[in-house]
Protein backbone atom coordinates (compact mmCIF):
# COMPACT_ATOMS: atom_id res chain seq x y z
CA MET A 1 -74.57 -54.88 -85.79
CA ASN A 2 -78.44 -55.19 -86.14
CA LYS A 3 -80.25 -53.25 -88.60
CA LYS A 4 -81.75 -51.16 -86.23
CA TRP A 5 -78.39 -49.63 -85.67
CA PHE A 6 -77.28 -49.90 -88.92
CA ALA A 7 -79.92 -47.74 -89.66
CA ILE A 8 -78.94 -45.06 -86.98
CA ALA A 9 -75.44 -45.40 -88.07
CA THR A 10 -76.50 -44.76 -91.56
CA LEU A 11 -78.48 -41.54 -91.38
CA ALA A 12 -75.82 -40.17 -88.74
CA PHE A 13 -73.52 -40.44 -91.64
CA SER A 14 -75.75 -39.22 -94.13
CA CYS A 15 -76.39 -36.31 -91.95
CA SER A 16 -72.78 -35.62 -91.47
CA VAL A 17 -71.97 -35.50 -95.34
CA ASN A 18 -74.97 -33.32 -95.90
CA ALA A 19 -74.14 -30.89 -93.28
CA GLN A 20 -70.56 -30.95 -94.71
CA SER A 21 -71.77 -30.58 -98.39
CA THR A 22 -73.84 -27.86 -97.35
CA MET A 23 -71.50 -25.75 -95.38
CA GLN A 24 -68.94 -25.81 -98.02
CA ALA A 25 -71.35 -24.86 -101.06
CA SER A 26 -72.90 -22.09 -98.60
CA VAL A 27 -69.31 -21.00 -98.20
CA ALA A 28 -67.99 -21.46 -101.79
CA ASP A 29 -71.09 -19.39 -102.77
CA ASP A 30 -70.18 -16.80 -100.30
CA TYR A 31 -66.68 -16.90 -101.54
CA GLU A 32 -67.52 -16.23 -105.50
CA GLY A 33 -70.64 -13.40 -104.00
CA HIS A 34 -68.68 -11.33 -101.60
CA LEU A 35 -65.44 -12.53 -100.31
CA ALA A 36 -63.50 -12.51 -103.54
CA ALA A 37 -63.79 -8.75 -104.06
CA LEU A 38 -63.40 -8.40 -100.40
CA PHE A 39 -59.90 -9.91 -100.48
CA ASP A 40 -58.87 -8.31 -103.64
CA HIS A 41 -59.65 -5.01 -101.76
CA PHE A 42 -57.56 -5.93 -98.76
CA HIS A 43 -54.33 -7.14 -101.07
CA ARG A 44 -54.52 -3.89 -102.84
CA ASN A 45 -54.71 -1.67 -99.97
CA PRO A 46 -52.76 -2.66 -97.04
CA GLU A 47 -51.73 -0.66 -94.03
CA LEU A 48 -49.06 -0.82 -91.52
CA SER A 49 -49.22 -1.73 -88.20
CA LEU A 50 -51.08 0.72 -85.79
CA ALA A 51 -52.44 2.85 -88.87
CA GLU A 52 -54.76 0.17 -90.14
CA HIS A 53 -57.38 2.99 -90.16
CA GLN A 54 -59.20 2.46 -93.49
CA THR A 55 -59.08 -1.66 -93.10
CA ALA A 56 -60.38 -1.48 -89.34
CA ALA A 57 -63.27 0.84 -90.85
CA ARG A 58 -64.31 -1.52 -93.73
CA MET A 59 -64.19 -4.52 -91.22
CA ALA A 60 -66.37 -2.65 -88.74
CA ASP A 61 -68.73 -2.04 -91.64
CA GLU A 62 -68.61 -5.51 -93.00
CA LEU A 63 -68.90 -7.17 -89.42
CA ARG A 64 -72.29 -4.78 -88.58
CA ALA A 65 -73.74 -5.83 -91.80
CA ALA A 66 -73.44 -9.42 -90.50
CA GLY A 67 -75.53 -8.49 -87.47
CA PHE A 68 -72.85 -8.12 -84.97
CA ASP A 69 -72.63 -5.36 -82.46
CA VAL A 70 -69.28 -3.54 -83.42
CA THR A 71 -66.77 -1.49 -81.01
CA GLU A 72 -64.21 0.59 -82.82
CA GLY A 73 -60.76 1.84 -81.62
CA VAL A 74 -59.99 -1.20 -79.06
CA GLY A 75 -56.60 -0.59 -78.38
CA GLY A 76 -55.55 1.71 -81.16
CA THR A 77 -57.39 0.40 -84.59
CA GLY A 78 -58.50 -2.85 -83.08
CA VAL A 79 -62.21 -3.75 -83.74
CA VAL A 80 -64.65 -5.91 -81.49
CA ALA A 81 -67.51 -7.63 -82.91
CA ILE A 82 -69.92 -9.53 -80.68
CA MET A 83 -73.08 -11.66 -81.28
CA LYS A 84 -75.06 -12.96 -78.11
CA ASN A 85 -77.35 -15.57 -78.96
CA GLY A 86 -78.63 -17.19 -75.45
CA ASN A 87 -76.61 -19.52 -72.83
CA GLY A 88 -73.73 -20.57 -73.77
CA PRO A 89 -69.99 -20.37 -73.81
CA LEU A 90 -68.28 -17.04 -74.76
CA VAL A 91 -65.76 -17.68 -77.64
CA MET A 92 -63.40 -15.50 -79.25
CA MET A 93 -61.73 -15.97 -82.82
CA ARG A 94 -58.77 -13.50 -83.85
CA ALA A 95 -57.89 -12.08 -87.31
CA ASP A 96 -55.00 -9.46 -87.48
CA MET A 97 -55.11 -7.26 -90.10
CA ASP A 98 -51.59 -5.14 -90.42
CA GLY A 99 -49.66 -5.52 -93.63
CA LEU A 100 -45.43 -4.98 -93.95
CA PRO A 101 -43.30 -2.24 -95.23
CA VAL A 102 -42.11 -4.28 -98.47
CA GLU A 103 -42.62 -3.54 -101.86
CA GLU A 104 -44.28 -5.97 -103.96
CA LYS A 105 -43.04 -8.28 -106.53
CA SER A 106 -45.15 -11.02 -106.93
CA GLY A 107 -46.28 -10.50 -110.55
CA LEU A 108 -50.21 -10.70 -109.31
CA ALA A 109 -52.85 -8.61 -111.26
CA ASN A 110 -53.65 -7.07 -107.67
CA ALA A 111 -50.39 -6.37 -106.43
CA SER A 112 -50.15 -3.62 -103.90
CA VAL A 113 -48.60 -0.40 -105.14
CA ALA A 114 -49.47 1.52 -101.82
CA MET A 115 -47.48 3.86 -100.01
CA GLN A 116 -47.95 4.86 -96.41
CA ALA A 117 -46.47 7.08 -94.01
CA SER A 118 -44.57 4.83 -91.25
CA PRO A 119 -45.88 5.43 -88.18
CA ILE A 120 -42.42 4.77 -86.60
CA ASN A 121 -40.42 7.70 -88.42
CA GLY A 122 -43.08 9.42 -91.09
CA ASP A 123 -41.08 8.27 -94.04
CA GLN A 124 -43.32 7.37 -97.00
CA VAL A 125 -42.76 3.21 -97.80
CA PRO A 126 -44.36 0.72 -99.74
CA VAL A 127 -46.89 -1.59 -97.99
CA MET A 128 -47.66 -5.22 -98.65
CA HIS A 129 -49.67 -8.18 -97.41
CA ALA A 130 -46.69 -9.96 -97.35
CA CYS A 131 -47.97 -12.67 -94.40
CA GLY A 132 -51.49 -13.30 -95.46
CA HIS A 133 -53.42 -10.99 -93.11
CA ASP A 134 -55.60 -10.21 -95.79
CA VAL A 135 -56.60 -14.08 -95.64
CA HIS A 136 -57.52 -14.03 -92.15
CA ILE A 137 -59.49 -10.91 -92.08
CA THR A 138 -61.48 -11.82 -95.43
CA SER A 139 -62.08 -15.18 -93.49
CA LEU A 140 -63.65 -13.62 -90.35
CA VAL A 141 -66.02 -11.78 -92.50
CA GLY A 142 -67.03 -15.24 -94.03
CA THR A 143 -67.38 -16.73 -90.88
CA ALA A 144 -69.48 -13.69 -89.52
CA ARG A 145 -71.76 -14.25 -92.51
CA HIS A 146 -71.95 -17.69 -92.19
CA MET A 147 -72.73 -17.51 -88.19
CA SER A 148 -75.12 -15.17 -88.37
CA THR A 149 -77.26 -17.37 -90.88
CA ARG A 150 -77.01 -20.64 -88.54
CA LYS A 151 -78.10 -18.75 -84.98
CA ASP A 152 -80.78 -21.70 -84.45
CA GLU A 153 -77.67 -24.33 -84.78
CA TRP A 154 -75.54 -22.53 -81.58
CA ALA A 155 -75.93 -20.76 -78.61
CA GLY A 156 -73.82 -18.61 -76.33
CA THR A 157 -71.58 -15.28 -77.36
CA LEU A 158 -69.54 -15.14 -80.29
CA MET A 159 -66.46 -12.58 -80.03
CA LEU A 160 -64.79 -11.58 -83.26
CA VAL A 161 -61.63 -9.55 -82.52
CA VAL A 162 -59.77 -7.52 -85.36
CA GLN A 163 -56.43 -7.42 -84.20
CA PRO A 164 -53.95 -4.46 -85.05
CA ALA A 165 -50.00 -4.39 -85.25
CA GLU A 166 -49.25 -8.19 -85.01
CA GLU A 167 -45.94 -7.47 -87.08
CA ARG A 168 -44.58 -5.34 -84.42
CA VAL A 169 -46.02 -7.92 -81.48
CA LEU A 170 -47.84 -4.75 -80.14
CA GLY A 171 -51.50 -5.00 -81.31
CA ALA A 172 -52.73 -7.93 -78.78
CA ARG A 173 -51.27 -6.48 -75.67
CA ALA A 174 -52.45 -3.03 -76.71
CA MET A 175 -56.23 -4.51 -76.69
CA LYS A 176 -55.30 -6.40 -73.32
CA ASP A 177 -54.34 -2.82 -71.92
CA ASP A 178 -57.48 -1.39 -73.61
CA ASN A 179 -59.69 -3.79 -70.86
CA ILE A 180 -60.97 -6.10 -73.64
CA TRP A 181 -61.98 -8.43 -71.03
CA GLY A 182 -63.63 -6.25 -68.61
CA ARG A 183 -65.36 -4.51 -71.19
CA PHE A 184 -66.48 -7.27 -73.36
CA GLY A 185 -66.03 -10.48 -71.11
CA THR A 186 -63.60 -13.03 -70.87
CA PRO A 187 -63.47 -15.81 -73.16
CA ASP A 188 -63.96 -19.60 -72.37
CA TYR A 189 -61.94 -20.25 -75.46
CA VAL A 190 -59.70 -18.37 -77.63
CA LEU A 191 -59.06 -19.29 -81.25
CA GLY A 192 -57.19 -18.02 -84.68
CA PHE A 193 -55.21 -19.34 -87.33
CA HIS A 194 -52.55 -18.26 -89.85
CA VAL A 195 -52.23 -18.88 -93.23
CA SER A 196 -49.12 -20.68 -94.40
CA SER A 197 -47.28 -20.48 -97.46
CA LEU A 198 -45.23 -23.79 -96.42
CA ASP A 199 -48.39 -25.83 -96.61
CA VAL A 200 -50.58 -27.05 -99.65
CA ALA A 201 -53.59 -25.08 -99.99
CA GLY A 202 -56.80 -25.49 -97.97
CA ARG A 203 -55.05 -28.00 -95.68
CA ILE A 204 -55.42 -27.69 -92.03
CA ASN A 205 -52.41 -27.75 -90.09
CA ILE A 206 -52.86 -28.66 -86.44
CA SER A 207 -50.26 -29.30 -83.63
CA GLU A 208 -50.96 -30.61 -80.09
CA GLY A 209 -48.17 -28.70 -79.13
CA SER A 210 -46.54 -25.50 -79.73
CA PRO A 211 -47.03 -23.93 -83.29
CA TYR A 212 -45.04 -20.78 -82.90
CA ALA A 213 -42.14 -19.79 -80.78
CA GLY A 214 -41.77 -17.22 -78.19
CA ALA A 215 -39.44 -14.20 -78.78
CA ASP A 216 -37.51 -11.60 -77.29
CA THR A 217 -35.66 -8.90 -78.78
CA VAL A 218 -32.55 -8.17 -76.96
CA ASP A 219 -29.77 -5.28 -77.22
CA ILE A 220 -26.43 -5.65 -75.87
CA ILE A 221 -24.72 -2.09 -75.60
CA ILE A 222 -21.08 -2.86 -75.46
CA HIS A 223 -18.80 -0.04 -73.95
CA GLY A 224 -15.22 0.65 -74.58
CA VAL A 225 -12.68 3.22 -74.53
CA GLY A 226 -11.78 4.89 -77.78
CA ALA A 227 -8.34 5.41 -79.31
CA HIS A 228 -6.07 5.88 -82.55
CA GLY A 229 -6.36 2.57 -84.56
CA ALA A 230 -2.45 2.51 -84.52
CA HIS A 231 -2.25 2.43 -80.78
CA PRO A 232 -4.86 0.07 -79.58
CA HIS A 233 -3.11 -0.54 -76.30
CA ARG A 234 -4.25 2.72 -75.38
CA GLY A 235 -8.08 1.85 -75.44
CA LYS A 236 -10.59 -0.94 -74.96
CA ASP A 237 -11.76 -2.22 -78.49
CA PRO A 238 -15.61 -2.72 -78.34
CA ILE A 239 -15.60 -4.45 -81.91
CA VAL A 240 -13.06 -6.87 -80.51
CA LEU A 241 -15.21 -7.58 -77.45
CA GLY A 242 -18.06 -7.49 -79.47
CA SER A 243 -16.99 -10.45 -81.51
CA GLN A 244 -16.18 -12.10 -78.53
CA ILE A 245 -19.62 -12.09 -77.04
CA VAL A 246 -21.04 -13.16 -80.58
CA LEU A 247 -19.03 -16.27 -80.73
CA ALA A 248 -19.71 -17.02 -77.23
CA LEU A 249 -23.32 -16.60 -77.45
CA GLN A 250 -23.33 -19.87 -79.81
CA THR A 251 -22.59 -21.95 -77.07
CA LEU A 252 -25.65 -21.47 -75.17
CA VAL A 253 -27.59 -23.36 -77.58
CA ALA A 254 -24.82 -25.89 -78.51
CA ARG A 255 -23.64 -26.60 -75.04
CA GLU A 256 -25.98 -25.21 -72.72
CA LEU A 257 -29.54 -26.09 -74.02
CA SER A 258 -30.69 -29.73 -74.41
CA PRO A 259 -30.02 -31.25 -77.62
CA ARG A 260 -34.18 -32.09 -77.70
CA ASP A 261 -35.55 -28.69 -76.46
CA PRO A 262 -35.19 -25.98 -79.45
CA GLY A 263 -33.95 -22.65 -78.97
CA VAL A 264 -32.38 -19.83 -81.10
CA VAL A 265 -29.92 -16.92 -80.44
CA THR A 266 -29.44 -14.94 -83.42
CA VAL A 267 -27.34 -11.58 -83.87
CA GLY A 268 -29.08 -9.84 -86.27
CA SER A 269 -27.19 -6.51 -86.14
CA PHE A 270 -23.43 -5.33 -85.12
CA HIS A 271 -23.09 -1.76 -85.39
CA SER A 272 -19.93 -0.04 -84.34
CA GLY A 273 -17.30 2.91 -85.37
CA THR A 274 -17.18 5.45 -88.02
CA LYS A 275 -13.66 5.32 -89.58
CA HIS A 276 -10.92 2.99 -90.51
CA ASN A 277 -8.25 4.20 -87.96
CA ILE A 278 -10.56 4.87 -85.02
CA ILE A 279 -11.41 2.68 -82.56
CA SER A 280 -14.53 3.37 -81.26
CA ASP A 281 -15.90 3.43 -77.90
CA GLU A 282 -19.26 1.73 -78.39
CA ALA A 283 -20.77 -1.10 -79.93
CA HIS A 284 -24.39 -2.14 -80.15
CA LEU A 285 -25.69 -5.64 -80.96
CA GLN A 286 -29.27 -6.35 -81.70
CA LEU A 287 -30.41 -10.24 -80.96
CA THR A 288 -33.88 -12.07 -81.32
CA VAL A 289 -34.23 -15.06 -79.22
CA ARG A 290 -36.44 -18.11 -79.77
CA ASN A 291 -38.09 -20.39 -77.24
CA THR A 292 -40.90 -22.76 -77.06
CA SER A 293 -40.96 -22.79 -72.88
CA GLU A 294 -40.40 -20.54 -70.13
CA GLU A 295 -37.50 -22.83 -68.95
CA THR A 296 -35.61 -22.38 -72.44
CA ARG A 297 -36.29 -18.46 -72.19
CA THR A 298 -34.98 -18.35 -68.92
CA LEU A 299 -31.98 -19.97 -69.84
CA LEU A 300 -31.42 -18.30 -72.69
CA LEU A 301 -31.87 -14.77 -71.34
CA GLU A 302 -29.96 -15.02 -68.20
CA GLY A 303 -27.23 -16.85 -70.28
CA ILE A 304 -26.71 -13.85 -72.74
CA GLU A 305 -26.44 -11.29 -69.64
CA ARG A 306 -23.85 -13.51 -68.29
CA ILE A 307 -21.92 -13.91 -71.00
CA ALA A 308 -21.94 -10.12 -72.00
CA ILE A 309 -21.01 -8.77 -68.39
CA ASN A 310 -18.45 -11.64 -67.82
CA MET A 311 -16.74 -11.03 -71.38
CA GLY A 312 -16.42 -7.38 -70.22
CA ARG A 313 -14.58 -8.69 -67.59
CA VAL A 314 -12.41 -10.50 -69.21
CA ALA A 315 -11.49 -7.85 -71.36
CA GLY A 316 -10.61 -5.60 -68.18
CA LEU A 317 -13.37 -3.14 -68.48
CA PRO A 318 -14.16 -1.55 -65.02
CA GLU A 319 -17.64 -2.58 -63.32
CA ASP A 320 -19.11 0.80 -64.60
CA LEU A 321 -18.41 0.23 -67.99
CA LEU A 322 -19.55 -3.56 -68.51
CA PRO A 323 -22.03 -4.46 -71.32
CA GLU A 324 -25.62 -3.34 -70.59
CA VAL A 325 -28.31 -6.17 -71.69
CA ILE A 326 -31.44 -4.58 -72.62
CA ILE A 327 -34.57 -6.70 -73.11
CA SER A 328 -37.27 -5.28 -75.47
CA GLU A 329 -40.94 -4.59 -74.22
CA GLU A 330 -41.51 -6.59 -77.99
CA SER A 331 -41.57 -10.08 -76.21
CA VAL A 332 -44.01 -12.77 -76.81
CA PRO A 333 -44.39 -15.83 -75.18
CA PRO A 334 -44.85 -18.97 -77.05
CA VAL A 335 -48.03 -20.16 -78.91
CA THR A 336 -48.80 -23.23 -76.49
CA ASN A 337 -52.33 -24.84 -77.54
CA SER A 338 -54.49 -26.95 -75.63
CA ALA A 339 -53.58 -30.74 -76.52
CA ALA A 340 -57.32 -31.82 -75.55
CA LEU A 341 -59.10 -29.14 -77.60
CA ALA A 342 -56.96 -29.62 -80.43
CA ARG A 343 -57.68 -33.07 -80.39
CA ARG A 344 -61.37 -32.22 -80.10
CA LEU A 345 -61.32 -29.84 -83.16
CA LYS A 346 -58.71 -32.32 -85.14
CA VAL A 347 -61.81 -34.83 -84.86
CA ALA A 348 -64.23 -32.73 -85.97
CA TRP A 349 -62.37 -31.04 -88.81
CA ALA A 350 -61.63 -34.69 -90.04
CA GLU A 351 -65.34 -35.45 -89.82
CA GLN A 352 -66.98 -32.72 -91.35
CA ILE A 353 -64.14 -31.42 -93.76
CA GLY A 354 -62.33 -34.56 -94.35
CA GLU A 355 -59.46 -36.47 -93.04
CA GLU A 356 -57.14 -35.98 -95.86
CA GLU A 357 -57.41 -31.96 -95.34
CA VAL A 358 -56.26 -32.25 -91.39
CA ILE A 359 -52.43 -32.71 -90.93
CA ASP A 360 -50.45 -32.55 -87.62
CA ASN A 361 -46.79 -30.96 -89.24
CA ALA A 362 -45.17 -29.23 -86.48
CA THR A 363 -43.39 -26.26 -88.27
CA LYS A 364 -39.55 -26.47 -88.72
CA GLY A 365 -38.88 -22.85 -87.98
CA MET A 366 -39.31 -20.64 -84.77
CA GLY A 367 -41.31 -18.12 -86.17
CA ALA A 368 -43.21 -15.91 -83.18
CA GLU A 369 -46.84 -14.66 -83.00
CA ASP A 370 -48.72 -12.29 -80.03
CA PHE A 371 -51.78 -14.35 -80.21
CA PRO A 372 -50.86 -15.89 -76.88
CA PHE A 373 -51.45 -12.55 -74.82
CA PHE A 374 -54.93 -13.41 -75.52
CA SER A 375 -54.61 -16.88 -73.82
CA VAL A 376 -52.64 -15.72 -70.79
CA ASP A 377 -53.25 -13.90 -67.57
CA PRO A 378 -55.65 -15.17 -67.02
CA ALA A 379 -55.18 -18.50 -68.91
CA ILE A 380 -57.53 -19.33 -71.20
CA THR A 381 -57.87 -22.57 -73.16
CA SER A 382 -56.84 -21.80 -76.77
CA VAL A 383 -56.14 -23.49 -79.91
CA PHE A 384 -54.32 -21.72 -83.24
CA TRP A 385 -53.86 -23.52 -86.38
CA ALA A 386 -52.55 -23.07 -89.94
CA ILE A 387 -54.19 -23.15 -93.31
CA GLY A 388 -52.44 -23.95 -96.22
CA GLY A 389 -52.16 -21.39 -98.82
CA THR A 390 -49.79 -22.65 -101.84
CA PRO A 391 -50.92 -25.19 -104.46
CA GLN A 392 -49.53 -28.30 -104.82
CA GLU A 393 -48.09 -27.54 -108.18
CA ALA A 394 -45.86 -24.91 -106.84
CA PHE A 395 -44.46 -27.38 -104.81
CA ASP A 396 -43.99 -29.82 -107.59
CA THR A 397 -42.05 -27.23 -109.30
CA GLU A 398 -39.60 -26.33 -106.76
CA ALA A 399 -38.90 -30.05 -106.06
CA ALA A 400 -38.18 -30.35 -110.12
CA GLY A 401 -35.60 -27.41 -109.63
CA GLY A 402 -37.94 -24.81 -110.43
CA PRO A 403 -38.05 -21.34 -108.27
CA PRO A 404 -38.66 -21.99 -104.71
CA VAL A 405 -41.84 -21.20 -102.86
CA PRO A 406 -41.73 -17.60 -101.47
CA SER A 407 -41.43 -17.30 -97.91
CA HIS A 408 -43.52 -14.92 -95.32
CA HIS A 409 -42.14 -11.45 -95.45
CA SER A 410 -40.94 -11.71 -98.84
CA PRO A 411 -41.97 -9.45 -102.12
CA LEU A 412 -42.83 -12.63 -103.92
CA PHE A 413 -44.76 -13.82 -101.24
CA LYS A 414 -48.25 -14.95 -102.64
CA ILE A 415 -51.25 -17.05 -101.28
CA SER A 416 -53.85 -18.70 -103.75
CA PRO A 417 -57.05 -16.89 -102.16
CA ASP A 418 -59.72 -19.33 -103.03
CA PRO A 419 -58.85 -22.38 -101.32
CA SER A 420 -57.35 -20.33 -98.47
CA VAL A 421 -59.99 -17.79 -97.50
CA ARG A 422 -62.64 -20.57 -97.81
CA ARG A 423 -61.04 -23.37 -95.92
CA GLY A 424 -60.34 -20.52 -93.23
CA VAL A 425 -63.81 -19.76 -93.29
CA GLU A 426 -65.07 -23.86 -93.18
CA SER A 427 -62.30 -24.54 -90.06
CA THR A 428 -63.25 -21.54 -88.52
CA VAL A 429 -67.02 -22.35 -88.23
CA VAL A 430 -66.47 -25.86 -87.80
CA ALA A 431 -64.31 -25.44 -84.65
CA LEU A 432 -67.23 -22.49 -83.64
CA MET A 433 -69.74 -25.11 -84.07
CA THR A 434 -68.13 -27.84 -82.35
CA LEU A 435 -67.62 -25.33 -79.20
CA LEU A 436 -71.12 -23.21 -79.45
CA GLY A 437 -73.22 -25.74 -81.15
CA VAL A 438 -76.66 -27.01 -79.60
């Protein structure tokens, strides 16, 4: 390499390093000066799905203070913040804000003791941020504050979406039904992230495939003919039939789905009967069904209906008493990243945050998200990544026989907020500048 090009390369590297250190220093300062206290507030004051009134109001205030035009009440309690900054693409960044009906037992100094009336039945229940949504909304505020100070470095429109009811997979659909695209514009890109207790704090985990599964909630109503327990031949036992259906369902994944295609059929609830010596006239199965492709989803759902109905025929039920299969509206498609955009962001994060901080470690579970409702119908280029939230020491302790790292939705769940929130802001800002930067 001649001296001229060596000098140019050295200057480019120096500028990149300087920009990286400047951004990280700025985010660190903002965390100490503002975001740490904000996270503490959100963690102490979680709210349930569809009832995130105070959280939404605080987010609206924070985003207005950062210079965004804010609209509240989108899809219920959702918030949309817009910053227009000249000609360029429209990029959306989403953060979900709801907590869970879980009593926190993390032992943290700021553990939630909040109680709230359930929007489902009105009962007073404990509420906890047991999935890290407090990290998401705090990071969104940090992103807003950072992007507003760098308007001379990007062009286009930035849309920040504060989404309700992710835990009930209702919020994204509600915001779409409230005409979010017609009111604020259809994005060219849709972005989002989720903090993960299964990854080392601060690590960016980005997959070019499907980081989250699709999920369907399925109910099977099994009709029988009631009888005395001492005279089973006089009835049609729905418990026996239900047991046969549960066992037959296991063949869908084991014998009909390709071994290289992931899928899950779990019967999470089986209810029937009232007394020892009474054969019930109905049983109710509740299932969760997971997939990573539309083909797998179709195979599983059609198989469930085929098995349930035909096992009813095997039991000798008349056609008008055959089992009913009901697919709930609480269904979500899989999160499917744009491979090209995932690779592009992976390179940007490696260059500006550090190659050692970016991993591609596909999840071993089949958790679901309603994020893809923002990227389908119409199809929009999207990427969803994970930010590690658990210190390495906790994994080392677990490996040495100590307590396991608590999972999401556990009352013991806890996230290390400093590295999680800061890396959430940094990764989002780099992604946005990659798409909007001039």
